[in-house]
Amino acid sequence: MAPRKKIISSCRHLFNPEMQRGAWIALFYFGFGALTALITLKDNRLELALGVHAANNLSFLFVTTKDSVLAVPAMWTAKDIGDPRLEVLMFLLQSLIFYYIFFGRRKKIIQAVPEKNESLEKLS
């Protein structure tokens, strides 16, 4: 069921003007949908994924392109978009860093905190 939702999420963006840059941008949208689905499944809540999506959309207030679907006045306008493959690669790297920060260190932190029963036994 999750792959269907990712495809539906990607289809919403198929008619955006930036899709003219090629299939790599479609891969970016699919990957972003997969990331937010993974965040939701791993966190068992929707709030973190919604926050990631909102932060991604609000980034257009700072940097935008001429072919962006959101025609908002931004602080900077990128004239040369560059290679879409590099954009996908950067997205994957950022996703791995995000995943590690929010979920990779959690096990180490939880294991480092003693349970209540263990700390009470040491006190007695």
PDB file of N, CA and C in Angstrom:
ATOM      1  N   MET A   1       0.817  -1.185   0.000  1.00  0.00           N
ATOM      2  CA  MET A   1       0.000   0.000   0.000  1.00  0.00           C
ATOM      3  C   MET A   1       0.870   1.261   0.000  1.00  0.00           C
ATOM      4  N   ALA A   2       2.009   1.233   0.682  1.00  0.00           N
ATOM      5  CA  ALA A   2       2.860   2.415   0.753  1.00  0.00           C
ATOM      6  C   ALA A   2       3.404   2.836  -0.612  1.00  0.00           C
ATOM      7  N   PRO A   3       3.848   1.900  -1.500  1.00  0.00           N
ATOM      8  CA  PRO A   3       4.324   2.351  -2.814  1.00  0.00           C
ATOM      9  C   PRO A   3       3.233   3.055  -3.622  1.00  0.00           C
ATOM     10  N   ARG A   4       1.996   2.610  -3.475  1.00  0.00           N
ATOM     11  CA  ARG A   4       0.908   3.284  -4.183  1.00  0.00           C
ATOM     12  C   ARG A   4       0.760   4.720  -3.718  1.00  0.00           C
ATOM     13  N   LYS A   5       0.879   4.926  -2.427  1.00  0.00           N
ATOM     14  CA  LYS A   5       0.758   6.290  -1.887  1.00  0.00           C
ATOM     15  C   LYS A   5       1.898   7.180  -2.361  1.00  0.00           C
ATOM     16  N   LYS A   6       3.091   6.607  -2.477  1.00  0.00           N
ATOM     17  CA  LYS A   6       4.233   7.385  -2.965  1.00  0.00           C
ATOM     18  C   LYS A   6       4.032   7.783  -4.420  1.00  0.00           C
ATOM     19  N   ILE A   7       3.489   6.852  -5.200  1.00  0.00           N
ATOM     20  CA  ILE A   7       3.238   7.155  -6.614  1.00  0.00           C
ATOM     21  C   ILE A   7       2.154   8.219  -6.739  1.00  0.00           C
ATOM     22  N   ILE A   8       1.111   8.113  -5.934  1.00  0.00           N
ATOM     23  CA  ILE A   8       0.042   9.128  -5.952  1.00  0.00           C
ATOM     24  C   ILE A   8       0.596  10.478  -5.532  1.00  0.00           C
ATOM     25  N   SER A   9       1.451  10.481  -4.513  1.00  0.00           N
ATOM     26  CA  SER A   9       2.069  11.729  -4.067  1.00  0.00           C
ATOM     27  C   SER A   9       2.930  12.333  -5.175  1.00  0.00           C
ATOM     28  N   SER A  10       3.653  11.504  -5.901  1.00  0.00           N
ATOM     29  CA  SER A  10       4.487  11.993  -6.999  1.00  0.00           C
ATOM     30  C   SER A  10       3.634  12.516  -8.149  1.00  0.00           C
ATOM     31  N   CYS A  11       2.501  11.862  -8.417  1.00  0.00           N
ATOM     32  CA  CYS A  11       1.642  12.262  -9.539  1.00  0.00           C
ATOM     33  C   CYS A  11       1.075  13.670  -9.366  1.00  0.00           C
ATOM     34  N   ARG A  12       0.903  14.090  -8.129  1.00  0.00           N
ATOM     35  CA  ARG A  12       0.401  15.448  -7.902  1.00  0.00           C
ATOM     36  C   ARG A  12       1.348  16.509  -8.450  1.00  0.00           C
ATOM     37  N   HIS A  13       2.617  16.161  -8.553  1.00  0.00           N
ATOM     38  CA  HIS A  13       3.622  17.123  -8.986  1.00  0.00           C
ATOM     39  C   HIS A  13       4.017  16.962 -10.452  1.00  0.00           C
ATOM     40  N   LEU A  14       3.405  16.048 -11.166  1.00  0.00           N
ATOM     41  CA  LEU A  14       3.810  15.791 -12.548  1.00  0.00           C
ATOM     42  C   LEU A  14       3.586  16.970 -13.482  1.00  0.00           C
ATOM     43  N   PHE A  15       2.648  17.838 -13.172  1.00  0.00           N
ATOM     44  CA  PHE A  15       2.347  18.962 -14.046  1.00  0.00           C
ATOM     45  C   PHE A  15       3.029  20.250 -13.604  1.00  0.00           C
ATOM     46  N   ASN A  16       3.931  20.162 -12.635  1.00  0.00           N
ATOM     47  CA  ASN A  16       4.702  21.332 -12.230  1.00  0.00           C
ATOM     48  C   ASN A  16       5.666  21.723 -13.350  1.00  0.00           C
ATOM     49  N   PRO A  17       5.936  23.012 -13.519  1.00  0.00           N
ATOM     50  CA  PRO A  17       6.838  23.447 -14.601  1.00  0.00           C
ATOM     51  C   PRO A  17       8.247  22.871 -14.491  1.00  0.00           C
ATOM     52  N   GLU A  18       8.720  22.623 -13.283  1.00  0.00           N
ATOM     53  CA  GLU A  18      10.083  22.107 -13.157  1.00  0.00           C
ATOM     54  C   GLU A  18      10.229  20.663 -13.635  1.00  0.00           C
ATOM     55  N   MET A  19       9.123  19.999 -13.901  1.00  0.00           N
ATOM     56  CA  MET A  19       9.188  18.629 -14.429  1.00  0.00           C
ATOM     57  C   MET A  19       9.764  18.603 -15.843  1.00  0.00           C
ATOM     58  N   GLN A  20       9.835  19.739 -16.502  1.00  0.00           N
ATOM     59  CA  GLN A  20      10.421  19.803 -17.840  1.00  0.00           C
ATOM     60  C   GLN A  20      11.930  19.564 -17.810  1.00  0.00           C
ATOM     61  N   ARG A  21      12.520  19.583 -16.635  1.00  0.00           N
ATOM     62  CA  ARG A  21      13.961  19.344 -16.506  1.00  0.00           C
ATOM     63  C   ARG A  21      14.328  17.883 -16.699  1.00  0.00           C
ATOM     64  N   GLY A  22      13.348  16.985 -16.629  1.00  0.00           N
ATOM     65  CA  GLY A  22      13.643  15.576 -16.901  1.00  0.00           C
ATOM     66  C   GLY A  22      13.137  14.638 -15.824  1.00  0.00           C
ATOM     67  N   ALA A  23      13.438  13.373 -16.052  1.00  0.00           N
ATOM     68  CA  ALA A  23      12.951  12.311 -15.167  1.00  0.00           C
ATOM     69  C   ALA A  23      13.631  12.336 -13.804  1.00  0.00           C
ATOM     70  N   TRP A  24      14.783  12.973 -13.699  1.00  0.00           N
ATOM     71  CA  TRP A  24      15.466  13.031 -12.412  1.00  0.00           C
ATOM     72  C   TRP A  24      14.667  13.823 -11.395  1.00  0.00           C
ATOM     73  N   ILE A  25      13.943  14.832 -11.860  1.00  0.00           N
ATOM     74  CA  ILE A  25      13.108  15.607 -10.937  1.00  0.00           C
ATOM     75  C   ILE A  25      11.946  14.744 -10.459  1.00  0.00           C
ATOM     76  N   ALA A  26      11.400  13.904 -11.351  1.00  0.00           N
ATOM     77  CA  ALA A  26      10.344  12.973 -10.935  1.00  0.00           C
ATOM     78  C   ALA A  26      10.887  12.005  -9.886  1.00  0.00           C
ATOM     79  N   LEU A  27      12.135  11.579 -10.062  1.00  0.00           N
ATOM     80  CA  LEU A  27      12.759  10.711  -9.070  1.00  0.00           C
ATOM     81  C   LEU A  27      12.911  11.438  -7.735  1.00  0.00           C
ATOM     82  N   PHE A  28      13.226  12.724  -7.790  1.00  0.00           N
ATOM     83  CA  PHE A  28      13.313  13.517  -6.562  1.00  0.00           C
ATOM     84  C   PHE A  28      11.966  13.545  -5.845  1.00  0.00           C
ATOM     85  N   TYR A  29      10.886  13.789  -6.582  1.00  0.00           N
ATOM     86  CA  TYR A  29       9.553  13.829  -5.955  1.00  0.00           C
ATOM     87  C   TYR A  29       9.182  12.462  -5.381  1.00  0.00           C
ATOM     88  N   PHE A  30       9.488  11.396  -6.100  1.00  0.00           N
ATOM     89  CA  PHE A  30       9.219  10.056  -5.603  1.00  0.00           C
ATOM     90  C   PHE A  30      10.035   9.779  -4.337  1.00  0.00           C
ATOM     91  N   GLY A  31      11.300  10.184  -4.362  1.00  0.00           N
ATOM     92  CA  GLY A  31      12.164   9.983  -3.202  1.00  0.00           C
ATOM     93  C   GLY A  31      11.706  10.773  -1.994  1.00  0.00           C
ATOM     94  N   PHE A  32      11.217  11.986  -2.229  1.00  0.00           N
ATOM     95  CA  PHE A  32      10.727  12.795  -1.115  1.00  0.00           C
ATOM     96  C   PHE A  32       9.481  12.154  -0.510  1.00  0.00           C
ATOM     97  N   GLY A  33       8.607  11.624  -1.352  1.00  0.00           N
ATOM     98  CA  GLY A  33       7.438  10.900  -0.856  1.00  0.00           C
ATOM     99  C   GLY A  33       7.840   9.665  -0.068  1.00  0.00           C
ATOM    100  N   ALA A  34       8.862   8.962  -0.553  1.00  0.00           N
ATOM    101  CA  ALA A  34       9.357   7.784   0.161  1.00  0.00           C
ATOM    102  C   ALA A  34       9.960   8.178   1.500  1.00  0.00           C
ATOM    103  N   LEU A  35      10.691   9.294   1.539  1.00  0.00           N
ATOM    104  CA  LEU A  35      11.278   9.761   2.791  1.00  0.00           C
ATOM    105  C   LEU A  35      10.197  10.101   3.808  1.00  0.00           C
ATOM    106  N   THR A  36       9.187  10.850   3.399  1.00  0.00           N
ATOM    107  CA  THR A  36       8.137  11.214   4.354  1.00  0.00           C
ATOM    108  C   THR A  36       7.336   9.988   4.797  1.00  0.00           C
ATOM    109  N   ALA A  37       7.149   9.018   3.904  1.00  0.00           N
ATOM    110  CA  ALA A  37       6.475   7.773   4.304  1.00  0.00           C
ATOM    111  C   ALA A  37       7.324   7.010   5.315  1.00  0.00           C
ATOM    112  N   LEU A  38       8.631   6.948   5.091  1.00  0.00           N
ATOM    113  CA  LEU A  38       9.525   6.269   6.018  1.00  0.00           C
ATOM    114  C   LEU A  38       9.534   6.969   7.375  1.00  0.00           C
ATOM    115  N   ILE A  39       9.557   8.284   7.354  1.00  0.00           N
ATOM    116  CA  ILE A  39       9.529   9.039   8.610  1.00  0.00           C
ATOM    117  C   ILE A  39       8.256   8.729   9.376  1.00  0.00           C
ATOM    118  N   THR A  40       7.129   8.707   8.677  1.00  0.00           N
ATOM    119  CA  THR A  40       5.852   8.422   9.335  1.00  0.00           C
ATOM    120  C   THR A  40       5.838   7.015   9.918  1.00  0.00           C
ATOM    121  N   LEU A  41       6.316   6.042   9.171  1.00  0.00           N
ATOM    122  CA  LEU A  41       6.331   4.666   9.664  1.00  0.00           C
ATOM    123  C   LEU A  41       7.300   4.486  10.826  1.00  0.00           C
ATOM    124  N   LYS A  42       8.451   5.110  10.750  1.00  0.00           N
ATOM    125  CA  LYS A  42       9.466   4.947  11.794  1.00  0.00           C
ATOM    126  C   LYS A  42       9.082   5.676  13.083  1.00  0.00           C
ATOM    127  N   ASP A  43       8.445   6.836  12.946  1.00  0.00           N
ATOM    128  CA  ASP A  43       8.104   7.657  14.104  1.00  0.00           C
ATOM    129  C   ASP A  43       6.714   7.316  14.661  1.00  0.00           C
ATOM    130  N   ASN A  44       5.926   6.560  13.908  1.00  0.00           N
ATOM    131  CA  ASN A  44       4.554   6.207  14.280  1.00  0.00           C
ATOM    132  C   ASN A  44       3.656   7.427  14.463  1.00  0.00           C
ATOM    133  N   ARG A  45       4.030   8.527  13.877  1.00  0.00           N
ATOM    134  CA  ARG A  45       3.234   9.748  13.919  1.00  0.00           C
ATOM    135  C   ARG A  45       3.405  10.482  12.599  1.00  0.00           C
ATOM    136  N   LEU A  46       2.486  11.369  12.307  1.00  0.00           N
ATOM    137  CA  LEU A  46       2.522  12.108  11.051  1.00  0.00           C
ATOM    138  C   LEU A  46       3.164  13.488  11.206  1.00  0.00           C
ATOM    139  N   GLU A  47       3.307  13.970  12.425  1.00  0.00           N
ATOM    140  CA  GLU A  47       3.737  15.349  12.648  1.00  0.00           C
ATOM    141  C   GLU A  47       5.120  15.645  12.099  1.00  0.00           C
ATOM    142  N   LEU A  48       6.075  14.746  12.307  1.00  0.00           N
ATOM    143  CA  LEU A  48       7.442  14.988  11.844  1.00  0.00           C
ATOM    144  C   LEU A  48       7.500  15.042  10.322  1.00  0.00           C
ATOM    145  N   ALA A  49       6.778  14.140   9.655  1.00  0.00           N
ATOM    146  CA  ALA A  49       6.756  14.143   8.192  1.00  0.00           C
ATOM    147  C   ALA A  49       6.091  15.411   7.660  1.00  0.00           C
ATOM    148  N   LEU A  50       5.028  15.852   8.309  1.00  0.00           N
ATOM    149  CA  LEU A  50       4.392  17.110   7.895  1.00  0.00           C
ATOM    150  C   LEU A  50       5.327  18.294   8.093  1.00  0.00           C
ATOM    151  N   GLY A  51       6.089  18.276   9.168  1.00  0.00           N
ATOM    152  CA  GLY A  51       7.057  19.344   9.409  1.00  0.00           C
ATOM    153  C   GLY A  51       8.157  19.364   8.364  1.00  0.00           C
ATOM    154  N   VAL A  52       8.629  18.192   7.968  1.00  0.00           N
ATOM    155  CA  VAL A  52       9.655  18.105   6.918  1.00  0.00           C
ATOM    156  C   VAL A  52       9.097  18.634   5.605  1.00  0.00           C
ATOM    157  N   HIS A  53       7.863  18.257   5.291  1.00  0.00           N
ATOM    158  CA  HIS A  53       7.239  18.721   4.052  1.00  0.00           C
ATOM    159  C   HIS A  53       7.027  20.234   4.089  1.00  0.00           C
ATOM    160  N   ALA A  54       6.581  20.758   5.214  1.00  0.00           N
ATOM    161  CA  ALA A  54       6.383  22.210   5.338  1.00  0.00           C
ATOM    162  C   ALA A  54       7.708  22.956   5.222  1.00  0.00           C
ATOM    163  N   ALA A  55       8.753  22.441   5.849  1.00  0.00           N
ATOM    164  CA  ALA A  55      10.070  23.084   5.750  1.00  0.00           C
ATOM    165  C   ALA A  55      10.577  23.070   4.313  1.00  0.00           C
ATOM    166  N   ASN A  56      10.333  21.977   3.608  1.00  0.00           N
ATOM    167  CA  ASN A  56      10.728  21.902   2.200  1.00  0.00           C
ATOM    168  C   ASN A  56       9.982  22.950   1.377  1.00  0.00           C
ATOM    169  N   ASN A  57       8.690  23.086   1.611  1.00  0.00           N
ATOM    170  CA  ASN A  57       7.912  24.076   0.860  1.00  0.00           C
ATOM    171  C   ASN A  57       8.286  25.501   1.242  1.00  0.00           C
ATOM    172  N   LEU A  58       8.603  25.739   2.502  1.00  0.00           N
ATOM    173  CA  LEU A  58       8.980  27.088   2.925  1.00  0.00           C
ATOM    174  C   LEU A  58      10.367  27.493   2.443  1.00  0.00           C
ATOM    175  N   SER A  59      11.160  26.526   2.012  1.00  0.00           N
ATOM    176  CA  SER A  59      12.485  26.865   1.495  1.00  0.00           C
ATOM    177  C   SER A  59      12.391  27.735   0.249  1.00  0.00           C
ATOM    178  N   PHE A  60      11.234  27.719  -0.418  1.00  0.00           N
ATOM    179  CA  PHE A  60      11.053  28.550  -1.605  1.00  0.00           C
ATOM    180  C   PHE A  60      10.947  30.034  -1.265  1.00  0.00           C
ATOM    181  N   LEU A  61      10.815  30.359   0.010  1.00  0.00           N
ATOM    182  CA  LEU A  61      10.850  31.759   0.406  1.00  0.00           C
ATOM    183  C   LEU A  61      12.272  32.309   0.347  1.00  0.00           C
ATOM    184  N   PHE A  62      13.251  31.427   0.386  1.00  0.00           N
ATOM    185  CA  PHE A  62      14.648  31.842   0.361  1.00  0.00           C
ATOM    186  C   PHE A  62      15.269  31.706  -1.019  1.00  0.00           C
ATOM    187  N   VAL A  63      15.073  30.555  -1.654  1.00  0.00           N
ATOM    188  CA  VAL A  63      15.656  30.312  -2.973  1.00  0.00           C
ATOM    189  C   VAL A  63      14.566  29.776  -3.885  1.00  0.00           C
ATOM    190  N   THR A  64      14.464  30.339  -5.065  1.00  0.00           N
ATOM    191  CA  THR A  64      13.490  29.874  -6.044  1.00  0.00           C
ATOM    192  C   THR A  64      14.128  29.879  -7.426  1.00  0.00           C
ATOM    193  N   THR A  65      13.432  29.325  -8.372  1.00  0.00           N
ATOM    194  CA  THR A  65      13.884  29.328  -9.757  1.00  0.00           C
ATOM    195  C   THR A  65      12.802  29.974 -10.615  1.00  0.00           C
ATOM    196  N   LYS A  66      13.174  30.308 -11.836  1.00  0.00           N
ATOM    197  CA  LYS A  66      12.198  30.957 -12.719  1.00  0.00           C
ATOM    198  C   LYS A  66      11.087  30.004 -13.135  1.00  0.00           C
ATOM    199  N   ASP A  67      11.369  28.706 -13.184  1.00  0.00           N
ATOM    200  CA  ASP A  67      10.344  27.751 -13.599  1.00  0.00           C
ATOM    201  C   ASP A  67       9.653  27.072 -12.416  1.00  0.00           C
ATOM    202  N   SER A  68       9.766  27.652 -11.237  1.00  0.00           N
ATOM    203  CA  SER A  68       9.160  27.060 -10.053  1.00  0.00           C
ATOM    204  C   SER A  68       7.646  27.196 -10.088  1.00  0.00           C
ATOM    205  N   VAL A  69       6.961  26.210  -9.544  1.00  0.00           N
ATOM    206  CA  VAL A  69       5.504  26.244  -9.508  1.00  0.00           C
ATOM    207  C   VAL A  69       5.007  27.291  -8.511  1.00  0.00           C
ATOM    208  N   LEU A  70       5.797  27.562  -7.479  1.00  0.00           N
ATOM    209  CA  LEU A  70       5.434  28.581  -6.501  1.00  0.00           C
ATOM    210  C   LEU A  70       6.046  29.909  -6.918  1.00  0.00           C
ATOM    211  N   ALA A  71       5.238  30.765  -7.481  1.00  0.00           N
ATOM    212  CA  ALA A  71       5.728  32.072  -7.936  1.00  0.00           C
ATOM    213  C   ALA A  71       5.659  33.053  -6.777  1.00  0.00           C
ATOM    214  N   VAL A  72       6.609  32.930  -5.865  1.00  0.00           N
ATOM    215  CA  VAL A  72       6.660  33.813  -4.703  1.00  0.00           C
ATOM    216  C   VAL A  72       7.942  34.629  -4.768  1.00  0.00           C
ATOM    217  N   PRO A  73       7.900  35.847  -4.255  1.00  0.00           N
ATOM    218  CA  PRO A  73       9.152  36.605  -4.198  1.00  0.00           C
ATOM    219  C   PRO A  73      10.082  35.985  -3.153  1.00  0.00           C
ATOM    220  N   ALA A  74      11.258  35.623  -3.583  1.00  0.00           N
ATOM    221  CA  ALA A  74      12.211  34.972  -2.695  1.00  0.00           C
ATOM    222  C   ALA A  74      13.439  35.855  -2.538  1.00  0.00           C
ATOM    223  N   MET A  75      14.267  35.511  -1.570  1.00  0.00           N
ATOM    224  CA  MET A  75      15.491  36.275  -1.337  1.00  0.00           C
ATOM    225  C   MET A  75      16.468  36.108  -2.501  1.00  0.00           C
ATOM    226  N   TRP A  76      16.569  34.892  -3.041  1.00  0.00           N
ATOM    227  CA  TRP A  76      17.471  34.619  -4.145  1.00  0.00           C
ATOM    228  C   TRP A  76      16.738  33.862  -5.240  1.00  0.00           C
ATOM    229  N   THR A  77      17.090  34.141  -6.481  1.00  0.00           N
ATOM    230  CA  THR A  77      16.559  33.409  -7.630  1.00  0.00           C
ATOM    231  C   THR A  77      17.728  32.743  -8.338  1.00  0.00           C
ATOM    232  N   ALA A  78      17.672  31.440  -8.427  1.00  0.00           N
ATOM    233  CA  ALA A  78      18.726  30.678  -9.091  1.00  0.00           C
ATOM    234  C   ALA A  78      18.535  30.787 -10.599  1.00  0.00           C
ATOM    235  N   LYS A  79      19.534  31.332 -11.286  1.00  0.00           N
ATOM    236  CA  LYS A  79      19.438  31.479 -12.740  1.00  0.00           C
ATOM    237  C   LYS A  79      19.865  30.197 -13.439  1.00  0.00           C
ATOM    238  N   ASP A  80      20.930  29.581 -12.962  1.00  0.00           N
ATOM    239  CA  ASP A  80      21.394  28.319 -13.535  1.00  0.00           C
ATOM    240  C   ASP A  80      21.025  27.205 -12.563  1.00  0.00           C
ATOM    241  N   ILE A  81      20.116  26.357 -12.970  1.00  0.00           N
ATOM    242  CA  ILE A  81      19.614  25.324 -12.090  1.00  0.00           C
ATOM    243  C   ILE A  81      20.652  24.230 -11.878  1.00  0.00           C
ATOM    244  N   GLY A  82      21.412  23.920 -12.873  1.00  0.00           N
ATOM    245  CA  GLY A  82      22.428  22.888 -12.754  1.00  0.00           C
ATOM    246  C   GLY A  82      21.904  21.517 -13.150  1.00  0.00           C
ATOM    247  N   ASP A  83      22.672  20.520 -12.830  1.00  0.00           N
ATOM    248  CA  ASP A  83      22.357  19.142 -13.203  1.00  0.00           C
ATOM    249  C   ASP A  83      21.346  18.544 -12.223  1.00  0.00           C
ATOM    250  N   PRO A  84      20.203  18.071 -12.702  1.00  0.00           N
ATOM    251  CA  PRO A  84      19.208  17.472 -11.797  1.00  0.00           C
ATOM    252  C   PRO A  84      19.719  16.219 -11.090  1.00  0.00           C
ATOM    253  N   ARG A  85      20.676  15.523 -11.693  1.00  0.00           N
ATOM    254  CA  ARG A  85      21.235  14.339 -11.038  1.00  0.00           C
ATOM    255  C   ARG A  85      21.964  14.728  -9.759  1.00  0.00           C
ATOM    256  N   LEU A  86      22.643  15.870  -9.787  1.00  0.00           N
ATOM    257  CA  LEU A  86      23.318  16.349  -8.592  1.00  0.00           C
ATOM    258  C   LEU A  86      22.300  16.716  -7.516  1.00  0.00           C
ATOM    259  N   GLU A  87      21.172  17.270  -7.931  1.00  0.00           N
ATOM    260  CA  GLU A  87      20.112  17.605  -6.978  1.00  0.00           C
ATOM    261  C   GLU A  87      19.575  16.355  -6.289  1.00  0.00           C
ATOM    262  N   VAL A  88      19.397  15.282  -7.045  1.00  0.00           N
ATOM    263  CA  VAL A  88      18.921  14.017  -6.467  1.00  0.00           C
ATOM    264  C   VAL A  88      19.977  13.443  -5.535  1.00  0.00           C
ATOM    265  N   LEU A  89      21.241  13.516  -5.926  1.00  0.00           N
ATOM    266  CA  LEU A  89      22.324  13.021  -5.085  1.00  0.00           C
ATOM    267  C   LEU A  89      22.390  13.801  -3.770  1.00  0.00           C
ATOM    268  N   MET A  90      22.272  15.115  -3.843  1.00  0.00           N
ATOM    269  CA  MET A  90      22.282  15.940  -2.627  1.00  0.00           C
ATOM    270  C   MET A  90      21.080  15.619  -1.741  1.00  0.00           C
ATOM    271  N   PHE A  91      19.929  15.378  -2.358  1.00  0.00           N
ATOM    272  CA  PHE A  91      18.742  15.001  -1.597  1.00  0.00           C
ATOM    273  C   PHE A  91      18.973  13.689  -0.850  1.00  0.00           C
ATOM    274  N   LEU A  92      19.573  12.706  -1.521  1.00  0.00           N
ATOM    275  CA  LEU A  92      19.843  11.432  -0.864  1.00  0.00           C
ATOM    276  C   LEU A  92      20.805  11.598   0.306  1.00  0.00           C
ATOM    277  N   LEU A  93      21.832  12.405   0.127  1.00  0.00           N
ATOM    278  CA  LEU A  93      22.790  12.657   1.203  1.00  0.00           C
ATOM    279  C   LEU A  93      22.109  13.358   2.380  1.00  0.00           C
ATOM    280  N   GLN A  94      21.311  14.373   2.101  1.00  0.00           N
ATOM    281  CA  GLN A  94      20.592  15.078   3.166  1.00  0.00           C
ATOM    282  C   GLN A  94      19.606  14.158   3.873  1.00  0.00           C
ATOM    283  N   SER A  95      18.970  13.275   3.124  1.00  0.00           N
ATOM    284  CA  SER A  95      18.012  12.339   3.716  1.00  0.00           C
ATOM    285  C   SER A  95      18.707  11.372   4.666  1.00  0.00           C
ATOM    286  N   LEU A  96      19.881  10.886   4.263  1.00  0.00           N
ATOM    287  CA  LEU A  96      20.631   9.986   5.139  1.00  0.00           C
ATOM    288  C   LEU A  96      21.060  10.684   6.427  1.00  0.00           C
ATOM    289  N   ILE A  97      21.504  11.923   6.310  1.00  0.00           N
ATOM    290  CA  ILE A  97      21.901  12.680   7.499  1.00  0.00           C
ATOM    291  C   ILE A  97      20.689  12.917   8.398  1.00  0.00           C
ATOM    292  N   PHE A  98      19.562  13.310   7.808  1.00  0.00           N
ATOM    293  CA  PHE A  98      18.343  13.533   8.574  1.00  0.00           C
ATOM    294  C   PHE A  98      17.915  12.255   9.287  1.00  0.00           C
ATOM    295  N   TYR A  99      17.922  11.132   8.571  1.00  0.00           N
ATOM    296  CA  TYR A  99      17.502   9.858   9.154  1.00  0.00           C
ATOM    297  C   TYR A  99      18.411   9.476  10.318  1.00  0.00           C
ATOM    298  N   TYR A 100      19.711   9.676  10.149  1.00  0.00           N
ATOM    299  CA  TYR A 100      20.640   9.335  11.228  1.00  0.00           C
ATOM    300  C   TYR A 100      20.405  10.207  12.452  1.00  0.00           C
ATOM    301  N   ILE A 101      20.207  11.498  12.243  1.00  0.00           N
ATOM    302  CA  ILE A 101      20.011  12.399  13.380  1.00  0.00           C
ATOM    303  C   ILE A 101      18.738  12.052  14.143  1.00  0.00           C
ATOM    304  N   PHE A 102      17.654  11.779  13.429  1.00  0.00           N
ATOM    305  CA  PHE A 102      16.382  11.556  14.108  1.00  0.00           C
ATOM    306  C   PHE A 102      16.161  10.114  14.545  1.00  0.00           C
ATOM    307  N   PHE A 103      16.736   9.141  13.847  1.00  0.00           N
ATOM    308  CA  PHE A 103      16.432   7.753  14.178  1.00  0.00           C
ATOM    309  C   PHE A 103      17.668   6.904  14.459  1.00  0.00           C
ATOM    310  N   GLY A 104      18.810   7.231  13.915  1.00  0.00           N
ATOM    311  CA  GLY A 104      19.998   6.413  14.090  1.00  0.00           C
ATOM    312  C   GLY A 104      20.597   6.516  15.472  1.00  0.00           C
ATOM    313  N   ARG A 105      20.584   7.695  16.054  1.00  0.00           N
ATOM    314  CA  ARG A 105      21.164   7.895  17.369  1.00  0.00           C
ATOM    315  C   ARG A 105      20.199   7.524  18.478  1.00  0.00           C
ATOM    316  N   ARG A 106      18.926   7.391  18.166  1.00  0.00           N
ATOM    317  CA  ARG A 106      17.912   7.148  19.193  1.00  0.00           C
ATOM    318  C   ARG A 106      18.191   5.860  19.961  1.00  0.00           C
ATOM    319  N   LYS A 107      18.593   4.791  19.285  1.00  0.00           N
ATOM    320  CA  LYS A 107      18.864   3.527  19.959  1.00  0.00           C
ATOM    321  C   LYS A 107      20.023   3.668  20.932  1.00  0.00           C
ATOM    322  N   LYS A 108      21.054   4.381  20.534  1.00  0.00           N
ATOM    323  CA  LYS A 108      22.205   4.567  21.413  1.00  0.00           C
ATOM    324  C   LYS A 108      21.819   5.375  22.642  1.00  0.00           C
ATOM    325  N   ILE A 109      20.992   6.398  22.448  1.00  0.00           N
ATOM    326  CA  ILE A 109      20.576   7.238  23.574  1.00  0.00           C
ATOM    327  C   ILE A 109      19.682   6.443  24.512  1.00  0.00           C
ATOM    328  N   ILE A 110      18.746   5.682  23.967  1.00  0.00           N
ATOM    329  CA  ILE A 110      17.832   4.895  24.791  1.00  0.00           C
ATOM    330  C   ILE A 110      18.601   3.827  25.556  1.00  0.00           C
ATOM    331  N   GLN A 111      19.597   3.205  24.938  1.00  0.00           N
ATOM    332  CA  GLN A 111      20.379   2.174  25.615  1.00  0.00           C
ATOM    333  C   GLN A 111      21.245   2.770  26.712  1.00  0.00           C
ATOM    334  N   ALA A 112      21.638   4.023  26.580  1.00  0.00           N
ATOM    335  CA  ALA A 112      22.487   4.662  27.577  1.00  0.00           C
ATOM    336  C   ALA A 112      21.715   5.059  28.828  1.00  0.00           C
ATOM    337  N   VAL A 113      20.411   5.244  28.714  1.00  0.00           N
ATOM    338  CA  VAL A 113      19.593   5.640  29.857  1.00  0.00           C
ATOM    339  C   VAL A 113      19.152   4.380  30.587  1.00  0.00           C
ATOM    340  N   PRO A 114      19.498   4.235  31.874  1.00  0.00           N
ATOM    341  CA  PRO A 114      19.085   3.034  32.606  1.00  0.00           C
ATOM    342  C   PRO A 114      17.587   3.063  32.883  1.00  0.00           C
ATOM    343  N   GLU A 115      17.019   1.886  32.973  1.00  0.00           N
ATOM    344  CA  GLU A 115      15.602   1.807  33.295  1.00  0.00           C
ATOM    345  C   GLU A 115      15.400   2.129  34.768  1.00  0.00           C
ATOM    346  N   LYS A 116      14.166   2.430  35.147  1.00  0.00           N
ATOM    347  CA  LYS A 116      13.854   2.816  36.527  1.00  0.00           C
ATOM    348  C   LYS A 116      14.193   1.705  37.504  1.00  0.00           C
ATOM    349  N   ASN A 117      13.888   0.467  37.179  1.00  0.00           N
ATOM    350  CA  ASN A 117      14.129  -0.646  38.078  1.00  0.00           C
ATOM    351  C   ASN A 117      15.625  -0.850  38.359  1.00  0.00           C
ATOM    352  N   GLU A 118      16.455  -0.684  37.317  1.00  0.00           N
ATOM    353  CA  GLU A 118      17.895  -0.854  37.504  1.00  0.00           C
ATOM    354  C   GLU A 118      18.455   0.216  38.407  1.00  0.00           C
ATOM    355  N   SER A 119      18.029   1.455  38.251  1.00  0.00           N
ATOM    356  CA  SER A 119      18.549   2.538  39.079  1.00  0.00           C
ATOM    357  C   SER A 119      18.064   2.415  40.511  1.00  0.00           C
ATOM    358  N   LEU A 120      16.861   1.897  40.743  1.00  0.00           N
ATOM    359  CA  LEU A 120      16.346   1.704  42.101  1.00  0.00           C
ATOM    360  C   LEU A 120      17.072   0.569  42.803  1.00  0.00           C
ATOM    361  N   GLU A 121      17.443  -0.498  42.078  1.00  0.00           N
ATOM    362  CA  GLU A 121      18.168  -1.613  42.665  1.00  0.00           C
ATOM    363  C   GLU A 121      19.561  -1.185  43.115  1.00  0.00           C
ATOM    364  N   LYS A 122      20.170  -0.286  42.345  1.00  0.00           N
ATOM    365  CA  LYS A 122      21.515   0.180  42.718  1.00  0.00           C
ATOM    366  C   LYS A 122      21.472   1.049  43.973  1.00  0.00           C
ATOM    367  N   LEU A 123      20.376   1.765  44.171  1.00  0.00           N
ATOM    368  CA  LEU A 123      20.250   2.626  45.330  1.00  0.00           C
ATOM    369  C   LEU A 123      20.018   1.824  46.611  1.00  0.00           C
ATOM    370  N   SER A 124      19.389   0.652  46.507  1.00  0.00           N
ATOM    371  CA  SER A 124      19.088  -0.104  47.731  1.00  0.00           C
ATOM    372  C   SER A 124      20.156  -1.072  48.116  1.00  0.00           C
TER     373      SER A 124
END
